[in-house]
């Protein structure tokens, strides 16, 4: 938990120190690979992060979080052809456990692929539409929609107006 807190406030060095301690005491390697993947992803070392996430997942202790982390890193790497199978595997293994997280990953995939229509359809199925991350996803969907040349200029402008009305804290967020 301490590593997650450090990363959330941008203290990567402190998170790495905590990871070193975790590595010493996590003799069963139950958590260290997952946390190392988290730190590496935060640092932008996505290929290394994916390797650690796969180790965490393949260790036989493939928790829900480790599986989601692997999918998220694959999205960040743009390895879209692998993700659909991973999302289906997640669903088979965990059913509807933390359904909004599973839905959010699918939505993020479609946003990154530029498919705002599918992203919006998935977003509409979320239970908690008011969380910060889900509001950020909606903003990204609207940005993609506002750039869609198949929509009329009037429709695109209407979407831009809707974006302008969003919470100022959400207008400038660029990524998930």
N, C-alpha and C. Protein backbone atom coordinates (compact mmCIF):
# COMPACT_ATOMS: atom_id res chain seq x y z
N UNK A 1 0.84 -1.19 0.00
CA UNK A 1 0.00 0.00 0.00
C UNK A 1 0.88 1.25 0.00
N UNK A 2 1.96 1.20 0.76
CA UNK A 2 2.85 2.35 0.84
C UNK A 2 3.42 2.69 -0.54
N UNK A 3 3.75 1.69 -1.32
CA UNK A 3 4.28 1.92 -2.67
C UNK A 3 3.23 2.63 -3.52
N UNK A 4 1.98 2.18 -3.44
CA UNK A 4 0.91 2.82 -4.20
C UNK A 4 0.74 4.28 -3.80
N UNK A 5 0.83 4.55 -2.50
CA UNK A 5 0.71 5.93 -2.02
C UNK A 5 1.85 6.78 -2.54
N UNK A 6 3.07 6.27 -2.45
CA UNK A 6 4.23 7.01 -2.96
C UNK A 6 4.07 7.34 -4.44
N UNK A 7 3.64 6.38 -5.22
CA UNK A 7 3.47 6.61 -6.65
C UNK A 7 2.37 7.62 -6.93
N UNK A 8 1.31 7.59 -6.13
CA UNK A 8 0.20 8.51 -6.37
C UNK A 8 0.59 9.97 -6.13
N UNK A 9 1.62 10.19 -5.30
CA UNK A 9 2.09 11.56 -5.05
C UNK A 9 3.41 11.85 -5.75
N UNK A 10 3.82 10.96 -6.65
CA UNK A 10 4.99 11.20 -7.48
C UNK A 10 6.32 10.94 -6.81
N UNK A 11 6.34 10.21 -5.72
CA UNK A 11 7.59 9.91 -5.02
C UNK A 11 8.12 8.55 -5.47
N UNK A 12 8.62 8.51 -6.70
CA UNK A 12 9.07 7.25 -7.28
C UNK A 12 10.28 6.70 -6.52
N UNK A 13 11.20 7.56 -6.14
CA UNK A 13 12.37 7.11 -5.40
C UNK A 13 12.00 6.45 -4.09
N UNK A 14 11.06 7.02 -3.39
CA UNK A 14 10.58 6.45 -2.13
C UNK A 14 9.89 5.12 -2.38
N UNK A 15 9.14 5.02 -3.47
CA UNK A 15 8.47 3.76 -3.84
C UNK A 15 9.51 2.69 -4.14
N UNK A 16 10.59 3.08 -4.80
CA UNK A 16 11.64 2.10 -5.12
C UNK A 16 12.34 1.61 -3.85
N UNK A 17 12.54 2.49 -2.89
CA UNK A 17 13.12 2.07 -1.60
C UNK A 17 12.19 1.06 -0.92
N UNK A 18 10.92 1.35 -0.92
CA UNK A 18 9.95 0.44 -0.31
C UNK A 18 9.92 -0.89 -1.05
N UNK A 19 10.07 -0.85 -2.37
CA UNK A 19 10.11 -2.08 -3.17
C UNK A 19 11.31 -2.93 -2.77
N UNK A 20 12.44 -2.27 -2.53
CA UNK A 20 13.65 -2.99 -2.10
C UNK A 20 13.38 -3.73 -0.79
N UNK A 21 12.71 -3.06 0.13
CA UNK A 21 12.35 -3.70 1.40
C UNK A 21 11.36 -4.84 1.18
N UNK A 22 10.39 -4.61 0.33
CA UNK A 22 9.41 -5.65 0.04
C UNK A 22 10.11 -6.87 -0.55
N UNK A 23 11.07 -6.64 -1.43
CA UNK A 23 11.80 -7.73 -2.07
C UNK A 23 12.54 -8.57 -1.02
N UNK A 24 13.05 -7.92 0.02
CA UNK A 24 13.78 -8.64 1.08
C UNK A 24 12.84 -9.52 1.90
N UNK A 25 11.64 -9.04 2.15
CA UNK A 25 10.74 -9.74 3.07
C UNK A 25 9.68 -10.59 2.38
N UNK A 26 9.44 -10.35 1.12
CA UNK A 26 8.43 -11.13 0.38
C UNK A 26 9.11 -12.38 -0.18
N UNK A 27 9.45 -13.29 0.72
CA UNK A 27 10.22 -14.47 0.32
C UNK A 27 9.47 -15.36 -0.66
N UNK A 28 8.16 -15.35 -0.60
CA UNK A 28 7.36 -16.14 -1.53
C UNK A 28 7.11 -15.42 -2.85
N UNK A 29 7.65 -14.22 -2.97
CA UNK A 29 7.48 -13.39 -4.18
C UNK A 29 6.01 -13.26 -4.54
N UNK A 30 5.20 -13.04 -3.52
CA UNK A 30 3.76 -12.95 -3.71
C UNK A 30 3.34 -11.57 -4.22
N UNK A 31 4.11 -10.53 -3.87
CA UNK A 31 3.70 -9.16 -4.21
C UNK A 31 4.75 -8.37 -4.99
N UNK A 32 6.00 -8.76 -4.89
CA UNK A 32 7.08 -7.91 -5.39
C UNK A 32 7.02 -7.67 -6.90
N UNK A 33 6.67 -8.68 -7.68
CA UNK A 33 6.64 -8.50 -9.14
C UNK A 33 5.52 -7.55 -9.56
N UNK A 34 4.40 -7.68 -8.91
CA UNK A 34 3.27 -6.79 -9.21
C UNK A 34 3.65 -5.34 -8.89
N UNK A 35 4.24 -5.12 -7.73
CA UNK A 35 4.64 -3.75 -7.35
C UNK A 35 5.76 -3.23 -8.23
N UNK A 36 6.70 -4.09 -8.60
CA UNK A 36 7.78 -3.66 -9.50
C UNK A 36 7.20 -3.24 -10.85
N UNK A 37 6.23 -4.00 -11.33
CA UNK A 37 5.57 -3.65 -12.59
C UNK A 37 4.90 -2.30 -12.48
N UNK A 38 4.28 -2.04 -11.34
CA UNK A 38 3.61 -0.75 -11.13
C UNK A 38 4.61 0.40 -11.20
N UNK A 39 5.74 0.23 -10.54
CA UNK A 39 6.77 1.29 -10.54
C UNK A 39 7.34 1.47 -11.94
N UNK A 40 7.67 0.38 -12.60
CA UNK A 40 8.24 0.48 -13.95
C UNK A 40 7.26 1.14 -14.93
N UNK A 41 5.99 0.81 -14.80
CA UNK A 41 4.98 1.44 -15.67
C UNK A 41 4.92 2.93 -15.41
N UNK A 42 4.97 3.31 -14.14
CA UNK A 42 4.93 4.73 -13.77
C UNK A 42 6.14 5.47 -14.35
N UNK A 43 7.28 4.80 -14.40
CA UNK A 43 8.50 5.39 -14.94
C UNK A 43 8.54 5.37 -16.47
N UNK A 44 7.57 4.68 -17.09
CA UNK A 44 7.51 4.62 -18.55
C UNK A 44 8.30 3.48 -19.15
N UNK A 45 8.80 2.56 -18.33
CA UNK A 45 9.53 1.39 -18.82
C UNK A 45 8.53 0.26 -19.04
N UNK A 46 7.73 0.43 -20.09
CA UNK A 46 6.56 -0.44 -20.27
C UNK A 46 6.92 -1.87 -20.62
N UNK A 47 7.96 -2.09 -21.43
CA UNK A 47 8.33 -3.47 -21.76
C UNK A 47 8.77 -4.23 -20.51
N UNK A 48 9.59 -3.57 -19.68
CA UNK A 48 10.02 -4.19 -18.42
C UNK A 48 8.84 -4.37 -17.48
N UNK A 49 7.95 -3.40 -17.45
CA UNK A 49 6.76 -3.49 -16.60
C UNK A 49 5.90 -4.68 -17.03
N UNK A 50 5.76 -4.88 -18.33
CA UNK A 50 4.96 -6.00 -18.82
C UNK A 50 5.59 -7.32 -18.40
N UNK A 51 6.92 -7.43 -18.50
CA UNK A 51 7.58 -8.67 -18.07
C UNK A 51 7.29 -8.96 -16.59
N UNK A 52 7.39 -7.94 -15.76
CA UNK A 52 7.12 -8.12 -14.33
C UNK A 52 5.64 -8.46 -14.08
N UNK A 53 4.74 -7.81 -14.81
CA UNK A 53 3.31 -8.10 -14.66
C UNK A 53 3.01 -9.54 -15.06
N UNK A 54 3.67 -10.01 -16.12
CA UNK A 54 3.46 -11.39 -16.56
C UNK A 54 4.00 -12.37 -15.54
N UNK A 55 5.15 -12.06 -14.93
CA UNK A 55 5.69 -12.92 -13.88
C UNK A 55 4.71 -12.97 -12.71
N UNK A 56 4.20 -11.80 -12.32
CA UNK A 56 3.24 -11.74 -11.22
C UNK A 56 2.00 -12.57 -11.55
N UNK A 57 1.51 -12.41 -12.76
CA UNK A 57 0.29 -13.11 -13.15
C UNK A 57 0.52 -14.61 -13.30
N UNK A 58 1.67 -14.99 -13.89
CA UNK A 58 1.95 -16.40 -14.17
C UNK A 58 2.45 -17.17 -12.95
N UNK A 59 2.66 -16.49 -11.85
CA UNK A 59 3.21 -17.13 -10.66
C UNK A 59 2.24 -18.09 -9.99
N UNK A 60 1.03 -18.14 -10.49
CA UNK A 60 0.02 -18.96 -9.83
C UNK A 60 -0.75 -18.16 -8.81
N UNK A 61 -0.29 -16.95 -8.57
CA UNK A 61 -0.99 -16.04 -7.67
C UNK A 61 -1.54 -14.88 -8.50
N UNK A 62 -1.95 -15.18 -9.72
CA UNK A 62 -2.41 -14.15 -10.64
C UNK A 62 -3.68 -13.48 -10.14
N UNK A 63 -3.49 -12.51 -9.31
CA UNK A 63 -4.63 -11.81 -8.74
C UNK A 63 -5.35 -10.99 -9.79
N UNK A 64 -6.51 -10.56 -9.43
CA UNK A 64 -7.29 -9.67 -10.29
C UNK A 64 -6.47 -8.44 -10.65
N UNK A 65 -5.82 -7.84 -9.67
CA UNK A 65 -5.03 -6.63 -9.89
C UNK A 65 -3.88 -6.88 -10.86
N UNK A 66 -3.20 -8.02 -10.71
CA UNK A 66 -2.09 -8.34 -11.60
C UNK A 66 -2.57 -8.51 -13.04
N UNK A 67 -3.73 -9.15 -13.20
CA UNK A 67 -4.27 -9.35 -14.54
C UNK A 67 -4.66 -8.00 -15.16
N UNK A 68 -5.30 -7.15 -14.36
CA UNK A 68 -5.69 -5.83 -14.86
C UNK A 68 -4.46 -5.00 -15.22
N UNK A 69 -3.44 -5.10 -14.39
CA UNK A 69 -2.22 -4.35 -14.66
C UNK A 69 -1.60 -4.80 -15.99
N UNK A 70 -1.58 -6.09 -16.23
CA UNK A 70 -1.05 -6.61 -17.48
C UNK A 70 -1.84 -6.05 -18.66
N UNK A 71 -3.14 -6.05 -18.56
CA UNK A 71 -3.99 -5.52 -19.64
C UNK A 71 -3.73 -4.03 -19.84
N UNK A 72 -3.64 -3.29 -18.75
CA UNK A 72 -3.39 -1.85 -18.85
C UNK A 72 -2.06 -1.56 -19.53
N UNK A 73 -1.03 -2.32 -19.20
CA UNK A 73 0.27 -2.13 -19.83
C UNK A 73 0.19 -2.47 -21.32
N UNK A 74 -0.52 -3.54 -21.66
CA UNK A 74 -0.69 -3.88 -23.08
C UNK A 74 -1.38 -2.75 -23.83
N UNK A 75 -2.36 -2.11 -23.20
CA UNK A 75 -3.03 -0.97 -23.83
C UNK A 75 -2.02 0.16 -24.04
N UNK A 76 -1.24 0.45 -23.01
CA UNK A 76 -0.24 1.51 -23.11
C UNK A 76 0.78 1.23 -24.21
N UNK A 77 1.10 -0.05 -24.40
CA UNK A 77 2.06 -0.44 -25.44
C UNK A 77 1.42 -0.49 -26.83
N UNK A 78 0.09 -0.37 -26.88
CA UNK A 78 -0.60 -0.41 -28.17
C UNK A 78 -0.68 -1.80 -28.76
N UNK A 79 -0.60 -2.82 -27.94
CA UNK A 79 -0.66 -4.20 -28.41
C UNK A 79 -2.11 -4.68 -28.38
N UNK A 80 -2.92 -4.02 -29.19
CA UNK A 80 -4.36 -4.19 -29.16
C UNK A 80 -4.83 -5.60 -29.52
N UNK A 81 -4.11 -6.29 -30.39
CA UNK A 81 -4.57 -7.62 -30.81
C UNK A 81 -4.56 -8.62 -29.66
N UNK A 82 -3.73 -8.39 -28.66
CA UNK A 82 -3.65 -9.31 -27.52
C UNK A 82 -4.69 -9.01 -26.44
N UNK A 83 -5.18 -7.80 -26.42
CA UNK A 83 -5.96 -7.33 -25.29
C UNK A 83 -7.35 -7.95 -25.21
N UNK A 84 -8.01 -8.13 -26.32
CA UNK A 84 -9.36 -8.69 -26.29
C UNK A 84 -9.35 -10.06 -25.64
N UNK A 85 -8.37 -10.89 -25.99
CA UNK A 85 -8.28 -12.22 -25.37
C UNK A 85 -8.00 -12.11 -23.88
N UNK A 86 -7.17 -11.15 -23.49
CA UNK A 86 -6.88 -10.95 -22.06
C UNK A 86 -8.12 -10.49 -21.30
N UNK A 87 -8.89 -9.60 -21.92
CA UNK A 87 -10.13 -9.14 -21.28
C UNK A 87 -11.12 -10.29 -21.10
N UNK A 88 -11.20 -11.15 -22.10
CA UNK A 88 -12.09 -12.31 -22.00
C UNK A 88 -11.60 -13.28 -20.93
N UNK A 89 -10.29 -13.46 -20.85
CA UNK A 89 -9.70 -14.33 -19.83
C UNK A 89 -9.99 -13.77 -18.43
N UNK A 90 -9.87 -12.46 -18.28
CA UNK A 90 -10.18 -11.80 -17.01
C UNK A 90 -11.63 -12.05 -16.62
N UNK A 91 -12.52 -11.90 -17.57
CA UNK A 91 -13.96 -12.10 -17.33
C UNK A 91 -14.25 -13.56 -16.95
N UNK A 92 -13.64 -14.50 -17.67
CA UNK A 92 -13.85 -15.92 -17.37
C UNK A 92 -13.35 -16.26 -15.96
N UNK A 93 -12.21 -15.73 -15.63
CA UNK A 93 -11.58 -16.09 -14.35
C UNK A 93 -12.25 -15.43 -13.15
N UNK A 94 -12.66 -14.17 -13.32
CA UNK A 94 -13.16 -13.42 -12.17
C UNK A 94 -14.63 -13.05 -12.26
N UNK A 95 -15.29 -13.42 -13.36
CA UNK A 95 -16.71 -13.13 -13.49
C UNK A 95 -16.99 -11.64 -13.40
N UNK A 96 -17.93 -11.26 -12.58
CA UNK A 96 -18.31 -9.85 -12.44
C UNK A 96 -17.63 -9.15 -11.27
N UNK A 97 -16.60 -9.77 -10.73
CA UNK A 97 -15.85 -9.11 -9.66
C UNK A 97 -15.28 -7.81 -10.19
N UNK A 98 -15.54 -6.74 -9.48
CA UNK A 98 -15.06 -5.39 -9.84
C UNK A 98 -15.33 -5.09 -11.31
N UNK A 99 -16.58 -5.27 -11.66
CA UNK A 99 -17.03 -5.13 -13.05
C UNK A 99 -16.69 -3.77 -13.64
N UNK A 100 -16.79 -2.70 -12.86
CA UNK A 100 -16.48 -1.38 -13.40
C UNK A 100 -15.01 -1.27 -13.81
N UNK A 101 -14.11 -1.95 -13.14
CA UNK A 101 -12.71 -1.92 -13.53
C UNK A 101 -12.54 -2.66 -14.85
N UNK A 102 -13.17 -3.80 -14.97
CA UNK A 102 -13.10 -4.55 -16.22
C UNK A 102 -13.69 -3.73 -17.37
N UNK A 103 -14.82 -3.09 -17.10
CA UNK A 103 -15.47 -2.25 -18.11
C UNK A 103 -14.59 -1.06 -18.45
N UNK A 104 -13.96 -0.48 -17.45
CA UNK A 104 -13.07 0.66 -17.67
C UNK A 104 -11.89 0.31 -18.55
N UNK A 105 -11.33 -0.88 -18.37
CA UNK A 105 -10.22 -1.31 -19.22
C UNK A 105 -10.67 -1.46 -20.67
N UNK A 106 -11.86 -2.03 -20.86
CA UNK A 106 -12.39 -2.17 -22.23
C UNK A 106 -12.64 -0.79 -22.84
N UNK A 107 -13.18 0.12 -22.05
CA UNK A 107 -13.43 1.48 -22.52
C UNK A 107 -12.12 2.16 -22.90
N UNK A 108 -11.11 2.02 -22.05
CA UNK A 108 -9.80 2.61 -22.34
C UNK A 108 -9.23 2.05 -23.64
N UNK A 109 -9.39 0.75 -23.86
CA UNK A 109 -8.94 0.13 -25.11
C UNK A 109 -9.59 0.82 -26.31
N UNK A 110 -10.89 0.97 -26.28
CA UNK A 110 -11.59 1.57 -27.41
C UNK A 110 -11.22 3.04 -27.60
N UNK A 111 -11.02 3.75 -26.50
CA UNK A 111 -10.58 5.15 -26.60
C UNK A 111 -9.23 5.21 -27.31
N UNK A 112 -8.29 4.38 -26.87
CA UNK A 112 -6.96 4.38 -27.48
C UNK A 112 -6.99 3.98 -28.94
N UNK A 113 -7.95 3.15 -29.30
CA UNK A 113 -8.09 2.76 -30.70
C UNK A 113 -8.82 3.82 -31.52
N UNK A 114 -9.32 4.84 -30.84
CA UNK A 114 -10.02 5.92 -31.53
C UNK A 114 -11.47 5.61 -31.84
N UNK A 115 -12.01 4.55 -31.27
CA UNK A 115 -13.39 4.14 -31.54
C UNK A 115 -14.31 4.70 -30.45
N UNK A 116 -14.67 5.98 -30.58
CA UNK A 116 -15.45 6.64 -29.54
C UNK A 116 -16.85 6.03 -29.40
N UNK A 117 -17.41 5.52 -30.48
CA UNK A 117 -18.76 4.93 -30.41
C UNK A 117 -18.77 3.70 -29.49
N UNK A 118 -17.83 2.79 -29.71
CA UNK A 118 -17.76 1.60 -28.85
C UNK A 118 -17.38 2.00 -27.42
N UNK A 119 -16.46 2.96 -27.29
CA UNK A 119 -16.06 3.41 -25.96
C UNK A 119 -17.25 3.98 -25.21
N UNK A 120 -18.06 4.77 -25.89
CA UNK A 120 -19.22 5.36 -25.22
C UNK A 120 -20.25 4.29 -24.84
N UNK A 121 -20.45 3.32 -25.71
CA UNK A 121 -21.39 2.24 -25.39
C UNK A 121 -20.93 1.48 -24.15
N UNK A 122 -19.63 1.23 -24.06
CA UNK A 122 -19.09 0.55 -22.89
C UNK A 122 -19.20 1.47 -21.67
N UNK A 123 -18.83 2.73 -21.82
CA UNK A 123 -18.90 3.69 -20.71
C UNK A 123 -20.32 3.78 -20.16
N UNK A 124 -21.29 3.75 -21.05
CA UNK A 124 -22.69 3.84 -20.62
C UNK A 124 -23.10 2.68 -19.71
N UNK A 125 -22.38 1.57 -19.76
CA UNK A 125 -22.71 0.42 -18.92
C UNK A 125 -22.06 0.48 -17.53
N UNK A 126 -21.24 1.49 -17.29
CA UNK A 126 -20.60 1.63 -15.97
C UNK A 126 -21.66 1.90 -14.90
N UNK A 127 -21.44 1.35 -13.73
CA UNK A 127 -22.34 1.62 -12.61
C UNK A 127 -22.04 2.99 -11.99
N UNK A 128 -20.76 3.30 -11.82
CA UNK A 128 -20.35 4.55 -11.18
C UNK A 128 -19.80 5.50 -12.24
N UNK A 129 -20.66 6.31 -12.77
CA UNK A 129 -20.25 7.25 -13.82
C UNK A 129 -19.63 8.53 -13.26
N UNK A 130 -19.65 8.68 -11.95
CA UNK A 130 -19.19 9.92 -11.35
C UNK A 130 -17.79 9.85 -10.74
N UNK A 131 -17.13 8.71 -10.86
CA UNK A 131 -15.77 8.64 -10.32
C UNK A 131 -14.86 9.49 -11.21
N UNK A 132 -13.77 9.92 -10.63
CA UNK A 132 -12.84 10.79 -11.37
C UNK A 132 -12.32 10.10 -12.63
N UNK A 133 -11.91 8.85 -12.51
CA UNK A 133 -11.36 8.14 -13.67
C UNK A 133 -12.42 7.96 -14.75
N UNK A 134 -13.65 7.69 -14.37
CA UNK A 134 -14.70 7.51 -15.37
C UNK A 134 -15.08 8.83 -16.02
N UNK A 135 -14.99 9.93 -15.28
CA UNK A 135 -15.20 11.24 -15.88
C UNK A 135 -14.09 11.60 -16.86
N UNK A 136 -12.87 11.20 -16.53
CA UNK A 136 -11.75 11.43 -17.45
C UNK A 136 -11.97 10.64 -18.74
N UNK A 137 -12.43 9.38 -18.59
CA UNK A 137 -12.69 8.59 -19.79
C UNK A 137 -13.78 9.23 -20.65
N UNK A 138 -14.84 9.75 -20.02
CA UNK A 138 -15.89 10.41 -20.79
C UNK A 138 -15.33 11.61 -21.53
N UNK A 139 -14.48 12.37 -20.88
CA UNK A 139 -13.86 13.52 -21.55
C UNK A 139 -13.08 13.05 -22.78
N UNK A 140 -12.33 11.97 -22.64
CA UNK A 140 -11.55 11.47 -23.77
C UNK A 140 -12.46 10.97 -24.89
N UNK A 141 -13.56 10.36 -24.52
CA UNK A 141 -14.54 9.93 -25.53
C UNK A 141 -15.06 11.15 -26.29
N UNK A 142 -15.40 12.19 -25.55
CA UNK A 142 -15.92 13.41 -26.18
C UNK A 142 -14.88 14.06 -27.08
N UNK A 143 -13.62 14.05 -26.66
CA UNK A 143 -12.56 14.61 -27.51
C UNK A 143 -12.47 13.83 -28.81
N UNK A 144 -12.48 12.50 -28.73
CA UNK A 144 -12.46 11.67 -29.95
C UNK A 144 -13.68 11.97 -30.84
N UNK A 145 -14.82 12.09 -30.19
CA UNK A 145 -16.06 12.37 -30.93
C UNK A 145 -15.97 13.73 -31.62
N UNK A 146 -15.41 14.72 -30.95
CA UNK A 146 -15.31 16.07 -31.52
C UNK A 146 -14.37 16.12 -32.72
N UNK A 147 -13.55 15.09 -32.87
CA UNK A 147 -12.59 15.02 -33.98
C UNK A 147 -13.06 14.12 -35.10
N UNK A 148 -14.25 13.56 -34.98
CA UNK A 148 -14.76 12.59 -35.95
C UNK A 148 -15.27 13.31 -37.20
N UNK A 149 -14.59 13.15 -38.33
CA UNK A 149 -15.01 13.83 -39.55
C UNK A 149 -16.32 13.31 -40.13
N UNK A 150 -16.80 12.17 -39.63
CA UNK A 150 -18.08 11.66 -40.14
C UNK A 150 -19.26 12.41 -39.52
N UNK A 151 -19.01 13.18 -38.47
CA UNK A 151 -20.06 14.00 -37.86
C UNK A 151 -20.08 15.37 -38.53
N UNK A 152 -21.22 16.00 -38.50
CA UNK A 152 -21.32 17.33 -39.09
C UNK A 152 -20.52 18.33 -38.25
N UNK A 153 -20.20 19.45 -38.84
CA UNK A 153 -19.48 20.50 -38.13
C UNK A 153 -20.28 20.94 -36.92
N UNK A 154 -21.59 21.04 -37.08
CA UNK A 154 -22.46 21.44 -35.98
C UNK A 154 -22.40 20.44 -34.83
N UNK A 155 -22.45 19.15 -35.16
CA UNK A 155 -22.36 18.12 -34.12
C UNK A 155 -21.02 18.17 -33.40
N UNK A 156 -19.95 18.32 -34.17
CA UNK A 156 -18.61 18.39 -33.55
C UNK A 156 -18.49 19.62 -32.65
N UNK A 157 -19.05 20.74 -33.09
CA UNK A 157 -18.99 21.95 -32.26
C UNK A 157 -19.81 21.79 -30.98
N UNK A 158 -20.92 21.13 -31.09
CA UNK A 158 -21.74 20.87 -29.91
C UNK A 158 -20.96 20.03 -28.88
N UNK A 159 -20.22 19.05 -29.36
CA UNK A 159 -19.40 18.23 -28.47
C UNK A 159 -18.29 19.07 -27.85
N UNK A 160 -17.67 19.95 -28.64
CA UNK A 160 -16.62 20.83 -28.09
C UNK A 160 -17.20 21.74 -27.01
N UNK A 161 -18.42 22.21 -27.22
CA UNK A 161 -19.09 23.03 -26.20
C UNK A 161 -19.32 22.22 -24.92
N UNK A 162 -19.69 20.97 -25.10
CA UNK A 162 -19.91 20.09 -23.94
C UNK A 162 -18.60 19.88 -23.17
N UNK A 163 -17.49 19.71 -23.89
CA UNK A 163 -16.18 19.56 -23.26
C UNK A 163 -15.84 20.81 -22.46
N UNK A 164 -16.13 21.97 -23.02
CA UNK A 164 -15.83 23.24 -22.36
C UNK A 164 -16.59 23.39 -21.04
N UNK A 165 -17.73 22.73 -20.93
CA UNK A 165 -18.53 22.82 -19.71
C UNK A 165 -18.09 21.84 -18.62
N UNK A 166 -17.16 20.96 -18.97
CA UNK A 166 -16.69 19.99 -17.99
C UNK A 166 -15.95 20.69 -16.86
N UNK A 167 -15.85 20.00 -15.77
CA UNK A 167 -15.07 20.46 -14.62
C UNK A 167 -13.68 20.87 -15.11
N UNK A 168 -13.20 22.07 -14.77
CA UNK A 168 -11.89 22.53 -15.25
C UNK A 168 -10.77 21.55 -14.93
N UNK A 169 -10.87 20.82 -13.83
CA UNK A 169 -9.83 19.85 -13.49
C UNK A 169 -9.79 18.69 -14.48
N UNK A 170 -10.89 18.45 -15.19
CA UNK A 170 -10.94 17.36 -16.14
C UNK A 170 -10.59 17.78 -17.56
N UNK A 171 -10.66 19.07 -17.84
CA UNK A 171 -10.43 19.52 -19.21
C UNK A 171 -9.02 19.28 -19.68
N UNK A 172 -8.04 19.33 -18.78
CA UNK A 172 -6.66 19.26 -19.21
C UNK A 172 -6.01 17.90 -18.99
N UNK A 173 -6.75 16.93 -18.52
CA UNK A 173 -6.18 15.61 -18.32
C UNK A 173 -6.07 14.93 -19.67
N UNK A 174 -4.87 14.46 -20.00
CA UNK A 174 -4.67 13.92 -21.33
C UNK A 174 -4.68 12.41 -21.39
N UNK A 175 -4.39 11.74 -20.32
CA UNK A 175 -4.32 10.28 -20.43
C UNK A 175 -4.82 9.58 -19.21
N UNK A 176 -5.10 8.32 -19.42
CA UNK A 176 -5.53 7.47 -18.30
C UNK A 176 -4.33 6.73 -17.79
